[in-house]
Amino acid sequence: MAGCGRHRAIAGEQNPRGDAEAIGAELTLKKLGIQLMFSSRHGVARLPPPPLRTVTIGLPRLRCGRFSAHCQPDSAGQSTRSLSQKGETKIATNPEISGYPYTHADCGCQHDYLLPALAHELERMTLSENRAFDLGCGNGSVANWLATQGFQVAGVDPSQTGIAEANRAFPHLNLRVGSAYDPLVESFGTFPLMISLEVVEHVYAPRDYARCVHDLLEPGGYALVSTPYHGYLKNLALALTGKMDDHFTALWDHGHIKFWSPRTITRLFEEAGLEIERIHCVGRIPQFAKSMIVVARRK
């Protein structure tokens, strides 16, 4: 152990207090299966390493520009990670990245306050043409709403069941399986308008997502992005009322993993070369809003 070469465990030396502490630590750590090296004034003791184990995990398939895990799930539909003595890791993951099994193509309750805000924003915009891309289109319900507003719509979502429902209900829309980690501009080109509702809070690599938003927009094009709102007063109210655990969805598989404030979402998109024109809080009064809608524009 670096820095402890002068310490040695002295066999046979009596130290009742130190021995009791060492025995207690050993019993506790053996239960946890943890290897520990601890030192005292009488020396260094090392617990034996735990045996090689195989750990079953339920990770989604991760795909981004710098990392990809491609393996086969086991018979239980979960994934298996084998840890070798050399530290090598082999990961088998479930190919369903989204975790959302769609069974219909209807709008959700959040669209009751998101869509009116989107309609208001669309009235304020002057677009080169009525074409739009829906990044994270889910079951296609919002893409279809855009189509009823006179837009030609394309979009992607990583959920195979979501795209299946979308293609069944809205065959006139160009909706495919895909994600922000794919080179979407090569397949779809650029658009004067891009929307992405309640998506960025689920994204493992938000800067890759922001670059994808930028690349899908033609120069001067607009992005409308919504995500749950977080601010000081709302976070304080959640803490004081004991609602923090429910809000941060720790037990929701594939749930929210990023929690954005107006300041952090602004920084994310500005780093990607987008200009933030305004941010609207929707769903409640602004200080306690359910979501915020970011209006960004490619320079």
C-alpha atoms as a PDB file:
ATOM      1  CA  MET A   1       0.000   0.000   0.000  1.00  0.00           C
ATOM      2  CA  ALA A   2       1.579   3.304  -1.106  1.00  0.00           C
ATOM      3  CA  GLY A   3       2.774   5.472   1.758  1.00  0.00           C
ATOM      4  CA  CYS A   4       2.410   2.695   4.394  1.00  0.00           C
ATOM      5  CA  GLY A   5       5.567   0.660   3.804  1.00  0.00           C
ATOM      6  CA  ARG A   6       6.849   1.307   7.300  1.00  0.00           C
ATOM      7  CA  HIS A   7       3.733  -0.193   8.917  1.00  0.00           C
ATOM      8  CA  ARG A   8       3.560  -3.919   9.512  1.00  0.00           C
ATOM      9  CA  ALA A   9       0.993  -6.097  11.280  1.00  0.00           C
ATOM     10  CA  ILE A  10       2.732  -7.268  14.440  1.00  0.00           C
ATOM     11  CA  ALA A  11       1.766 -10.864  15.121  1.00  0.00           C
ATOM     12  CA  GLY A  12       1.031 -11.675  18.721  1.00  0.00           C
ATOM     13  CA  GLU A  13       1.040  -8.090  19.988  1.00  0.00           C
ATOM     14  CA  GLN A  14      -1.904  -7.376  22.230  1.00  0.00           C
ATOM     15  CA  ASN A  15      -4.069  -4.341  21.595  1.00  0.00           C
ATOM     16  CA  PRO A  16      -7.588  -5.007  22.918  1.00  0.00           C
ATOM     17  CA  ARG A  17      -9.133  -1.801  21.626  1.00  0.00           C
ATOM     18  CA  GLY A  18      -7.515  -2.017  18.213  1.00  0.00           C
ATOM     19  CA  ASP A  19      -8.339  -5.715  17.863  1.00  0.00           C
ATOM     20  CA  ALA A  20     -11.960  -5.119  18.760  1.00  0.00           C
ATOM     21  CA  GLU A  21     -12.220  -2.344  16.180  1.00  0.00           C
ATOM     22  CA  ALA A  22     -10.571  -4.510  13.554  1.00  0.00           C
ATOM     23  CA  ILE A  23     -12.855  -7.481  14.289  1.00  0.00           C
ATOM     24  CA  GLY A  24     -15.945  -5.272  14.145  1.00  0.00           C
ATOM     25  CA  ALA A  25     -14.855  -3.753  10.845  1.00  0.00           C
ATOM     26  CA  GLU A  26     -14.062  -7.190   9.423  1.00  0.00           C
ATOM     27  CA  LEU A  27     -17.443  -8.628  10.386  1.00  0.00           C
ATOM     28  CA  THR A  28     -19.318  -5.636   8.941  1.00  0.00           C
ATOM     29  CA  LEU A  29     -17.379  -5.571   5.695  1.00  0.00           C
ATOM     30  CA  LYS A  30     -17.544  -9.339   5.188  1.00  0.00           C
ATOM     31  CA  LYS A  31     -21.327  -9.019   5.200  1.00  0.00           C
ATOM     32  CA  LEU A  32     -21.032  -6.398   2.456  1.00  0.00           C
ATOM     33  CA  GLY A  33     -18.463  -8.397   0.484  1.00  0.00           C
ATOM     34  CA  ILE A  34     -16.039  -5.481   0.417  1.00  0.00           C
ATOM     35  CA  GLN A  35     -12.254  -5.715   0.390  1.00  0.00           C
ATOM     36  CA  LEU A  36     -10.692  -3.246   2.805  1.00  0.00           C
ATOM     37  CA  MET A  37      -7.146  -2.289   3.753  1.00  0.00           C
ATOM     38  CA  PHE A  38      -7.131  -0.286   6.971  1.00  0.00           C
ATOM     39  CA  SER A  39      -4.266   0.970   9.107  1.00  0.00           C
ATOM     40  CA  SER A  40      -3.729   1.863  12.723  1.00  0.00           C
ATOM     41  CA  ARG A  41      -0.733   2.722  14.798  1.00  0.00           C
ATOM     42  CA  HIS A  42      -0.008  -1.025  15.063  1.00  0.00           C
ATOM     43  CA  GLY A  43      -0.001  -1.817  11.369  1.00  0.00           C
ATOM     44  CA  VAL A  44      -1.992  -2.662   8.286  1.00  0.00           C
ATOM     45  CA  ALA A  45      -4.609  -5.387   7.944  1.00  0.00           C
ATOM     46  CA  ARG A  46      -6.052  -6.596   4.678  1.00  0.00           C
ATOM     47  CA  LEU A  47      -9.306  -8.443   4.288  1.00  0.00           C
ATOM     48  CA  PRO A  48      -9.386 -11.089   1.549  1.00  0.00           C
ATOM     49  CA  PRO A  49     -10.943 -10.028  -1.772  1.00  0.00           C
ATOM     50  CA  PRO A  50     -14.507 -11.147  -2.512  1.00  0.00           C
ATOM     51  CA  PRO A  51     -14.959 -14.007  -4.982  1.00  0.00           C
ATOM     52  CA  LEU A  52     -15.617 -13.357  -8.663  1.00  0.00           C
ATOM     53  CA  ARG A  53     -19.279 -12.580  -9.089  1.00  0.00           C
ATOM     54  CA  THR A  54     -21.732 -12.018 -11.902  1.00  0.00           C
ATOM     55  CA  VAL A  55     -24.057  -9.068 -11.317  1.00  0.00           C
ATOM     56  CA  THR A  56     -27.445  -8.850 -13.018  1.00  0.00           C
ATOM     57  CA  ILE A  57     -28.460  -5.332 -14.000  1.00  0.00           C
ATOM     58  CA  GLY A  58     -31.264  -3.755 -16.004  1.00  0.00           C
ATOM     59  CA  LEU A  59     -29.515  -1.045 -17.982  1.00  0.00           C
ATOM     60  CA  PRO A  60     -30.989   0.252 -21.240  1.00  0.00           C
ATOM     61  CA  ARG A  61     -28.910   0.141 -24.367  1.00  0.00           C
ATOM     62  CA  LEU A  62     -26.614   3.135 -24.355  1.00  0.00           C
ATOM     63  CA  ARG A  63     -25.807   4.762 -27.655  1.00  0.00           C
ATOM     64  CA  CYS A  64     -23.924   7.960 -28.245  1.00  0.00           C
ATOM     65  CA  GLY A  65     -21.055   9.173 -30.339  1.00  0.00           C
ATOM     66  CA  ARG A  66     -18.384   7.955 -27.931  1.00  0.00           C
ATOM     67  CA  PHE A  67     -19.835   4.829 -26.350  1.00  0.00           C
ATOM     68  CA  SER A  68     -21.992   1.967 -27.456  1.00  0.00           C
ATOM     69  CA  ALA A  69     -22.873  -1.303 -25.758  1.00  0.00           C
ATOM     70  CA  HIS A  70     -24.060  -4.113 -28.012  1.00  0.00           C
ATOM     71  CA  CYS A  71     -24.788  -7.499 -26.409  1.00  0.00           C
ATOM     72  CA  GLN A  72     -27.626  -9.938 -25.983  1.00  0.00           C
ATOM     73  CA  PRO A  73     -30.051  -9.992 -23.031  1.00  0.00           C
ATOM     74  CA  ASP A  74     -30.330 -13.135 -20.957  1.00  0.00           C
ATOM     75  CA  SER A  75     -33.378 -15.395 -20.834  1.00  0.00           C
ATOM     76  CA  ALA A  76     -35.030 -13.249 -18.159  1.00  0.00           C
ATOM     77  CA  GLY A  77     -34.892 -10.202 -20.399  1.00  0.00           C
ATOM     78  CA  GLN A  78     -32.342  -8.481 -18.181  1.00  0.00           C
ATOM     79  CA  SER A  79     -28.698  -7.858 -18.885  1.00  0.00           C
ATOM     80  CA  THR A  80     -25.609  -9.470 -17.423  1.00  0.00           C
ATOM     81  CA  ARG A  81     -22.299  -7.850 -16.516  1.00  0.00           C
ATOM     82  CA  SER A  82     -19.372 -10.207 -15.888  1.00  0.00           C
ATOM     83  CA  LEU A  83     -16.459  -8.896 -13.847  1.00  0.00           C
ATOM     84  CA  SER A  84     -13.145 -10.621 -14.421  1.00  0.00           C
ATOM     85  CA  GLN A  85     -10.043 -10.594 -12.253  1.00  0.00           C
ATOM     86  CA  LYS A  86      -8.327  -8.338 -14.829  1.00  0.00           C
ATOM     87  CA  GLY A  87     -11.058  -5.742 -14.534  1.00  0.00           C
ATOM     88  CA  GLU A  88     -12.479  -6.446 -17.981  1.00  0.00           C
ATOM     89  CA  THR A  89     -16.190  -5.689 -18.321  1.00  0.00           C
ATOM     90  CA  LYS A  90     -18.645  -7.275 -20.698  1.00  0.00           C
ATOM     91  CA  ILE A  91     -22.103  -5.730 -20.798  1.00  0.00           C
ATOM     92  CA  ALA A  92     -25.275  -7.247 -22.220  1.00  0.00           C
ATOM     93  CA  THR A  93     -28.091  -4.715 -22.428  1.00  0.00           C
ATOM     94  CA  ASN A  94     -31.730  -4.585 -23.304  1.00  0.00           C
ATOM     95  CA  PRO A  95     -32.037  -2.996 -26.763  1.00  0.00           C
ATOM     96  CA  GLU A  96     -35.091  -0.915 -25.745  1.00  0.00           C
ATOM     97  CA  ILE A  97     -33.505   2.424 -24.871  1.00  0.00           C
ATOM     98  CA  SER A  98     -36.635   4.432 -24.106  1.00  0.00           C
ATOM     99  CA  GLY A  99     -38.358   2.255 -21.504  1.00  0.00           C
ATOM    100  CA  TYR A 100     -41.749   3.452 -22.759  1.00  0.00           C
ATOM    101  CA  PRO A 101     -44.126   0.728 -23.985  1.00  0.00           C
ATOM    102  CA  TYR A 102     -46.814   2.648 -25.896  1.00  0.00           C
ATOM    103  CA  THR A 103     -50.261   1.113 -26.365  1.00  0.00           C
ATOM    104  CA  HIS A 104     -52.082   4.026 -28.049  1.00  0.00           C
ATOM    105  CA  ALA A 105     -51.479   7.163 -30.115  1.00  0.00           C
ATOM    106  CA  ASP A 106     -53.346   9.688 -27.961  1.00  0.00           C
ATOM    107  CA  CYS A 107     -51.969  12.871 -26.388  1.00  0.00           C
ATOM    108  CA  GLY A 108     -51.003  12.821 -22.719  1.00  0.00           C
ATOM    109  CA  CYS A 109     -52.168  15.046 -19.880  1.00  0.00           C
ATOM    110  CA  GLN A 110     -49.071  17.253 -20.179  1.00  0.00           C
ATOM    111  CA  HIS A 111     -50.165  18.259 -23.663  1.00  0.00           C
ATOM    112  CA  ASP A 112     -53.145  20.104 -22.150  1.00  0.00           C
ATOM    113  CA  TYR A 113     -50.780  22.930 -21.192  1.00  0.00           C
ATOM    114  CA  LEU A 114     -47.931  22.357 -23.666  1.00  0.00           C
ATOM    115  CA  LEU A 115     -49.857  22.468 -26.951  1.00  0.00           C
ATOM    116  CA  PRO A 116     -51.624  25.813 -26.330  1.00  0.00           C
ATOM    117  CA  ALA A 117     -48.236  27.345 -25.539  1.00  0.00           C
ATOM    118  CA  LEU A 118     -46.794  25.851 -28.729  1.00  0.00           C
ATOM    119  CA  ALA A 119     -49.684  27.225 -30.773  1.00  0.00           C
ATOM    120  CA  HIS A 120     -49.031  30.679 -29.316  1.00  0.00           C
ATOM    121  CA  GLU A 121     -45.355  30.475 -30.259  1.00  0.00           C
ATOM    122  CA  LEU A 122     -46.102  29.293 -33.795  1.00  0.00           C
ATOM    123  CA  GLU A 123     -48.307  32.345 -34.333  1.00  0.00           C
ATOM    124  CA  ARG A 124     -45.353  34.600 -33.503  1.00  0.00           C
ATOM    125  CA  MET A 125     -42.927  32.917 -35.902  1.00  0.00           C
ATOM    126  CA  THR A 126     -42.209  33.641 -39.540  1.00  0.00           C
ATOM    127  CA  LEU A 127     -40.945  30.407 -41.092  1.00  0.00           C
ATOM    128  CA  SER A 128     -39.494  29.869 -44.550  1.00  0.00           C
ATOM    129  CA  GLU A 129     -41.888  26.951 -45.098  1.00  0.00           C
ATOM    130  CA  ASN A 130     -44.209  24.750 -43.071  1.00  0.00           C
ATOM    131  CA  ARG A 131     -41.898  21.805 -42.416  1.00  0.00           C
ATOM    132  CA  ALA A 132     -41.124  20.529 -38.932  1.00  0.00           C
ATOM    133  CA  PHE A 133     -39.129  17.789 -37.219  1.00  0.00           C
ATOM    134  CA  ASP A 134     -40.250  16.148 -33.950  1.00  0.00           C
ATOM    135  CA  LEU A 135     -37.224  14.883 -31.985  1.00  0.00           C
ATOM    136  CA  GLY A 136     -38.509  12.281 -29.521  1.00  0.00           C
ATOM    137  CA  CYS A 137     -41.944  12.020 -31.113  1.00  0.00           C
ATOM    138  CA  GLY A 138     -43.121   9.128 -28.918  1.00  0.00           C
ATOM    139  CA  ASN A 139     -46.418   7.799 -30.252  1.00  0.00           C
ATOM    140  CA  GLY A 140     -46.729  10.548 -32.873  1.00  0.00           C
ATOM    141  CA  SER A 141     -49.574  12.444 -31.198  1.00  0.00           C
ATOM    142  CA  VAL A 142     -47.792  15.825 -31.206  1.00  0.00           C
ATOM    143  CA  ALA A 143     -46.461  15.275 -34.727  1.00  0.00           C
ATOM    144  CA  ASN A 144     -50.042  14.679 -35.829  1.00  0.00           C
ATOM    145  CA  TRP A 145     -51.146  17.850 -34.025  1.00  0.00           C
ATOM    146  CA  LEU A 146     -48.487  19.748 -35.991  1.00  0.00           C
ATOM    147  CA  ALA A 147     -49.823  18.223 -39.197  1.00  0.00           C
ATOM    148  CA  THR A 148     -53.285  19.578 -38.375  1.00  0.00           C
ATOM    149  CA  GLN A 149     -51.652  23.031 -38.117  1.00  0.00           C
ATOM    150  CA  GLY A 150     -50.541  22.727 -41.733  1.00  0.00           C
ATOM    151  CA  PHE A 151     -47.024  21.326 -41.282  1.00  0.00           C
ATOM    152  CA  GLN A 152     -45.271  18.574 -43.195  1.00  0.00           C
ATOM    153  CA  VAL A 153     -43.811  16.540 -40.316  1.00  0.00           C
ATOM    154  CA  ALA A 154     -40.990  14.042 -39.863  1.00  0.00           C
ATOM    155  CA  GLY A 155     -39.632  12.676 -36.609  1.00  0.00           C
ATOM    156  CA  VAL A 156     -37.902   9.930 -34.667  1.00  0.00           C
ATOM    157  CA  ASP A 157     -38.181   8.172 -31.328  1.00  0.00           C
ATOM    158  CA  PRO A 158     -36.149   5.277 -29.885  1.00  0.00           C
ATOM    159  CA  SER A 159     -39.302   3.458 -28.748  1.00  0.00           C
ATOM    160  CA  GLN A 160     -40.240   0.751 -31.229  1.00  0.00           C
ATOM    161  CA  THR A 161     -43.726   0.428 -29.739  1.00  0.00           C
ATOM    162  CA  GLY A 162     -44.205   4.196 -29.935  1.00  0.00           C
ATOM    163  CA  ILE A 163     -43.267   4.335 -33.612  1.00  0.00           C
ATOM    164  CA  ALA A 164     -45.429   1.287 -34.314  1.00  0.00           C
ATOM    165  CA  GLU A 165     -48.437   3.065 -32.791  1.00  0.00           C
ATOM    166  CA  ALA A 166     -47.575   6.274 -34.652  1.00  0.00           C
ATOM    167  CA  ASN A 167     -47.290   4.524 -38.023  1.00  0.00           C
ATOM    168  CA  ARG A 168     -50.538   2.675 -37.413  1.00  0.00           C
ATOM    169  CA  ALA A 169     -52.495   5.801 -36.457  1.00  0.00           C
ATOM    170  CA  PHE A 170     -50.740   8.379 -38.669  1.00  0.00           C
ATOM    171  CA  PRO A 171     -49.401   6.642 -41.792  1.00  0.00           C
ATOM    172  CA  HIS A 172     -49.139   9.967 -43.622  1.00  0.00           C
ATOM    173  CA  LEU A 173     -46.324  11.118 -41.286  1.00  0.00           C
ATOM    174  CA  ASN A 174     -42.636  10.269 -41.787  1.00  0.00           C
ATOM    175  CA  LEU A 175     -41.919   8.877 -38.294  1.00  0.00           C
ATOM    176  CA  ARG A 176     -39.126   6.354 -37.731  1.00  0.00           C
ATOM    177  CA  VAL A 177     -37.153   4.638 -34.968  1.00  0.00           C
ATOM    178  CA  GLY A 178     -34.100   6.727 -34.080  1.00  0.00           C
ATOM    179  CA  SER A 179     -32.649   9.124 -31.521  1.00  0.00           C
ATOM    180  CA  ALA A 180     -30.564  12.260 -31.092  1.00  0.00           C
ATOM    181  CA  TYR A 181     -27.450  10.061 -31.047  1.00  0.00           C
ATOM    182  CA  ASP A 182     -27.990   9.134 -34.712  1.00  0.00           C
ATOM    183  CA  PRO A 183     -26.802  11.256 -37.686  1.00  0.00           C
ATOM    184  CA  LEU A 184     -30.360  12.421 -38.371  1.00  0.00           C
ATOM    185  CA  VAL A 185     -29.435  15.286 -40.674  1.00  0.00           C
ATOM    186  CA  GLU A 186     -27.997  12.766 -43.147  1.00  0.00           C
ATOM    187  CA  SER A 187     -31.372  11.022 -43.392  1.00  0.00           C
ATOM    188  CA  PHE A 188     -33.792  13.929 -43.023  1.00  0.00           C
ATOM    189  CA  GLY A 189     -31.954  17.132 -43.891  1.00  0.00           C
ATOM    190  CA  THR A 190     -32.605  20.434 -42.105  1.00  0.00           C
ATOM    191  CA  PHE A 191     -35.841  22.147 -41.084  1.00  0.00           C
ATOM    192  CA  PRO A 192     -37.124  25.635 -40.340  1.00  0.00           C
ATOM    193  CA  LEU A 193     -38.791  24.272 -37.189  1.00  0.00           C
ATOM    194  CA  MET A 194     -37.844  21.548 -34.709  1.00  0.00           C
ATOM    195  CA  ILE A 195     -39.814  20.563 -31.614  1.00  0.00           C
ATOM    196  CA  SER A 196     -38.847  18.271 -28.763  1.00  0.00           C
ATOM    197  CA  LEU A 197     -41.301  18.000 -25.876  1.00  0.00           C
ATOM    198  CA  GLU A 198     -40.323  16.534 -22.486  1.00  0.00           C
ATOM    199  CA  VAL A 199     -37.283  14.722 -23.905  1.00  0.00           C
ATOM    200  CA  VAL A 200     -34.056  16.401 -22.749  1.00  0.00           C
ATOM    201  CA  GLU A 201     -34.627  15.385 -19.105  1.00  0.00           C
ATOM    202  CA  HIS A 202     -34.288  11.720 -20.173  1.00  0.00           C
ATOM    203  CA  VAL A 203     -31.085  12.139 -22.198  1.00  0.00           C
ATOM    204  CA  TYR A 204     -27.800  10.543 -21.083  1.00  0.00           C
ATOM    205  CA  ALA A 205     -25.610  12.866 -23.169  1.00  0.00           C
ATOM    206  CA  PRO A 206     -27.334  16.283 -23.336  1.00  0.00           C
ATOM    207  CA  ARG A 207     -24.565  17.987 -25.309  1.00  0.00           C
ATOM    208  CA  ASP A 208     -24.939  15.383 -28.069  1.00  0.00           C
ATOM    209  CA  TYR A 209     -28.671  16.090 -27.979  1.00  0.00           C
ATOM    210  CA  ALA A 210     -28.110  19.862 -28.228  1.00  0.00           C
ATOM    211  CA  ARG A 211     -25.753  19.430 -31.190  1.00  0.00           C
ATOM    212  CA  CYS A 212     -28.390  17.294 -32.890  1.00  0.00           C
ATOM    213  CA  VAL A 213     -30.979  20.053 -32.359  1.00  0.00           C
ATOM    214  CA  HIS A 214     -28.574  22.578 -33.870  1.00  0.00           C
ATOM    215  CA  ASP A 215     -27.747  20.406 -36.868  1.00  0.00           C
ATOM    216  CA  LEU A 216     -31.406  19.689 -37.693  1.00  0.00           C
ATOM    217  CA  LEU A 217     -32.156  23.415 -38.017  1.00  0.00           C
ATOM    218  CA  GLU A 218     -31.529  25.424 -41.130  1.00  0.00           C
ATOM    219  CA  PRO A 219     -29.842  28.814 -40.530  1.00  0.00           C
ATOM    220  CA  GLY A 220     -32.386  31.023 -38.791  1.00  0.00           C
ATOM    221  CA  GLY A 221     -34.559  28.019 -37.898  1.00  0.00           C
ATOM    222  CA  TYR A 222     -36.404  27.718 -34.595  1.00  0.00           C
ATOM    223  CA  ALA A 223     -36.355  25.023 -31.923  1.00  0.00           C
ATOM    224  CA  LEU A 224     -39.171  24.610 -29.403  1.00  0.00           C
ATOM    225  CA  VAL A 225     -37.981  22.443 -26.509  1.00  0.00           C
ATOM    226  CA  SER A 226     -39.922  21.718 -23.332  1.00  0.00           C
ATOM    227  CA  THR A 227     -38.718  20.154 -20.086  1.00  0.00           C
ATOM    228  CA  PRO A 228     -39.902  20.147 -16.441  1.00  0.00           C
ATOM    229  CA  TYR A 229     -39.161  23.465 -14.778  1.00  0.00           C
ATOM    230  CA  HIS A 230     -36.797  23.755 -11.794  1.00  0.00           C
ATOM    231  CA  GLY A 231     -36.164  26.943  -9.882  1.00  0.00           C
ATOM    232  CA  TYR A 232     -35.249  27.995  -6.354  1.00  0.00           C
ATOM    233  CA  LEU A 233     -38.781  28.603  -5.026  1.00  0.00           C
ATOM    234  CA  LYS A 234     -40.197  25.427  -6.572  1.00  0.00           C
ATOM    235  CA  ASN A 235     -37.343  23.300  -5.250  1.00  0.00           C
ATOM    236  CA  LEU A 236     -37.750  24.877  -1.798  1.00  0.00           C
ATOM    237  CA  ALA A 237     -41.488  24.188  -1.825  1.00  0.00           C
ATOM    238  CA  LEU A 238     -40.872  20.573  -2.822  1.00  0.00           C
ATOM    239  CA  ALA A 239     -38.417  20.136   0.031  1.00  0.00           C
ATOM    240  CA  LEU A 240     -40.657  21.789   2.630  1.00  0.00           C
ATOM    241  CA  THR A 241     -43.704  19.725   1.636  1.00  0.00           C
ATOM    242  CA  GLY A 242     -41.829  16.412   1.502  1.00  0.00           C
ATOM    243  CA  LYS A 243     -42.452  15.967  -2.232  1.00  0.00           C
ATOM    244  CA  MET A 244     -38.821  15.808  -3.345  1.00  0.00           C
ATOM    245  CA  ASP A 245     -38.694  12.006  -3.685  1.00  0.00           C
ATOM    246  CA  ASP A 246     -41.807  11.914  -5.863  1.00  0.00           C
ATOM    247  CA  HIS A 247     -40.580  14.783  -8.009  1.00  0.00           C
ATOM    248  CA  PHE A 248     -37.139  13.371  -8.721  1.00  0.00           C
ATOM    249  CA  THR A 249     -38.556   9.965  -9.738  1.00  0.00           C
ATOM    250  CA  ALA A 250     -35.656   7.886  -8.411  1.00  0.00           C
ATOM    251  CA  LEU A 251     -37.705   4.674  -8.631  1.00  0.00           C
ATOM    252  CA  TRP A 252     -38.970   5.335 -12.180  1.00  0.00           C
ATOM    253  CA  ASP A 253     -37.074   3.070 -14.576  1.00  0.00           C
ATOM    254  CA  HIS A 254     -35.832   5.121 -17.544  1.00  0.00           C
ATOM    255  CA  GLY A 255     -37.260   8.239 -15.879  1.00  0.00           C
ATOM    256  CA  HIS A 256     -35.884  11.749 -15.522  1.00  0.00           C
ATOM    257  CA  ILE A 257     -32.113  11.842 -15.096  1.00  0.00           C
ATOM    258  CA  LYS A 258     -31.454  15.545 -15.808  1.00  0.00           C
ATOM    259  CA  PHE A 259     -33.193  18.394 -14.001  1.00  0.00           C
ATOM    260  CA  TRP A 260     -32.984  21.693 -15.850  1.00  0.00           C
ATOM    261  CA  SER A 261     -33.320  25.284 -14.718  1.00  0.00           C
ATOM    262  CA  PRO A 262     -33.601  28.238 -17.125  1.00  0.00           C
ATOM    263  CA  ARG A 263     -29.917  28.981 -16.527  1.00  0.00           C
ATOM    264  CA  THR A 264     -28.610  25.465 -17.223  1.00  0.00           C
ATOM    265  CA  ILE A 265     -30.807  24.850 -20.274  1.00  0.00           C
ATOM    266  CA  THR A 266     -29.694  28.222 -21.670  1.00  0.00           C
ATOM    267  CA  ARG A 267     -26.046  27.309 -21.218  1.00  0.00           C
ATOM    268  CA  LEU A 268     -26.586  23.910 -22.879  1.00  0.00           C
ATOM    269  CA  PHE A 269     -28.029  25.357 -26.076  1.00  0.00           C
ATOM    270  CA  GLU A 270     -25.717  28.354 -26.252  1.00  0.00           C
ATOM    271  CA  GLU A 271     -22.751  25.978 -26.130  1.00  0.00           C
ATOM    272  CA  ALA A 272     -24.225  24.245 -29.187  1.00  0.00           C
ATOM    273  CA  GLY A 273     -24.444  27.513 -31.137  1.00  0.00           C
ATOM    274  CA  LEU A 274     -28.113  28.318 -30.540  1.00  0.00           C
ATOM    275  CA  GLU A 275     -29.475  31.672 -29.411  1.00  0.00           C
ATOM    276  CA  ILE A 276     -32.159  31.644 -26.706  1.00  0.00           C
ATOM    277  CA  GLU A 277     -34.921  34.080 -27.588  1.00  0.00           C
ATOM    278  CA  ARG A 278     -37.244  33.414 -24.644  1.00  0.00           C
ATOM    279  CA  ILE A 279     -38.306  30.829 -22.080  1.00  0.00           C
ATOM    280  CA  HIS A 280     -41.955  30.382 -21.096  1.00  0.00           C
ATOM    281  CA  CYS A 281     -43.085  28.737 -17.863  1.00  0.00           C
ATOM    282  CA  VAL A 282     -46.317  26.781 -18.306  1.00  0.00           C
ATOM    283  CA  GLY A 283     -48.699  24.674 -16.257  1.00  0.00           C
ATOM    284  CA  ARG A 284     -48.852  26.892 -13.129  1.00  0.00           C
ATOM    285  CA  ILE A 285     -47.735  30.338 -12.062  1.00  0.00           C
ATOM    286  CA  PRO A 286     -44.158  30.878 -13.260  1.00  0.00           C
ATOM    287  CA  GLN A 287     -42.443  30.307  -9.890  1.00  0.00           C
ATOM    288  CA  PHE A 288     -44.051  26.868  -9.548  1.00  0.00           C
ATOM    289  CA  ALA A 289     -44.471  25.949 -13.229  1.00  0.00           C
ATOM    290  CA  LYS A 290     -44.776  22.345 -14.330  1.00  0.00           C
ATOM    291  CA  SER A 291     -42.685  22.831 -17.468  1.00  0.00           C
ATOM    292  CA  MET A 292     -40.802  25.465 -19.380  1.00  0.00           C
ATOM    293  CA  ILE A 293     -40.691  25.937 -23.142  1.00  0.00           C
ATOM    294  CA  VAL A 294     -37.410  27.137 -24.599  1.00  0.00           C
ATOM    295  CA  VAL A 295     -37.514  29.105 -27.854  1.00  0.00           C
ATOM    296  CA  ALA A 296     -34.078  28.845 -29.456  1.00  0.00           C
ATOM    297  CA  ARG A 297     -32.833  29.850 -32.878  1.00  0.00           C
ATOM    298  CA  ARG A 298     -29.889  28.771 -34.967  1.00  0.00           C
ATOM    299  CA  LYS A 299     -27.642  31.717 -35.703  1.00  0.00           C
END
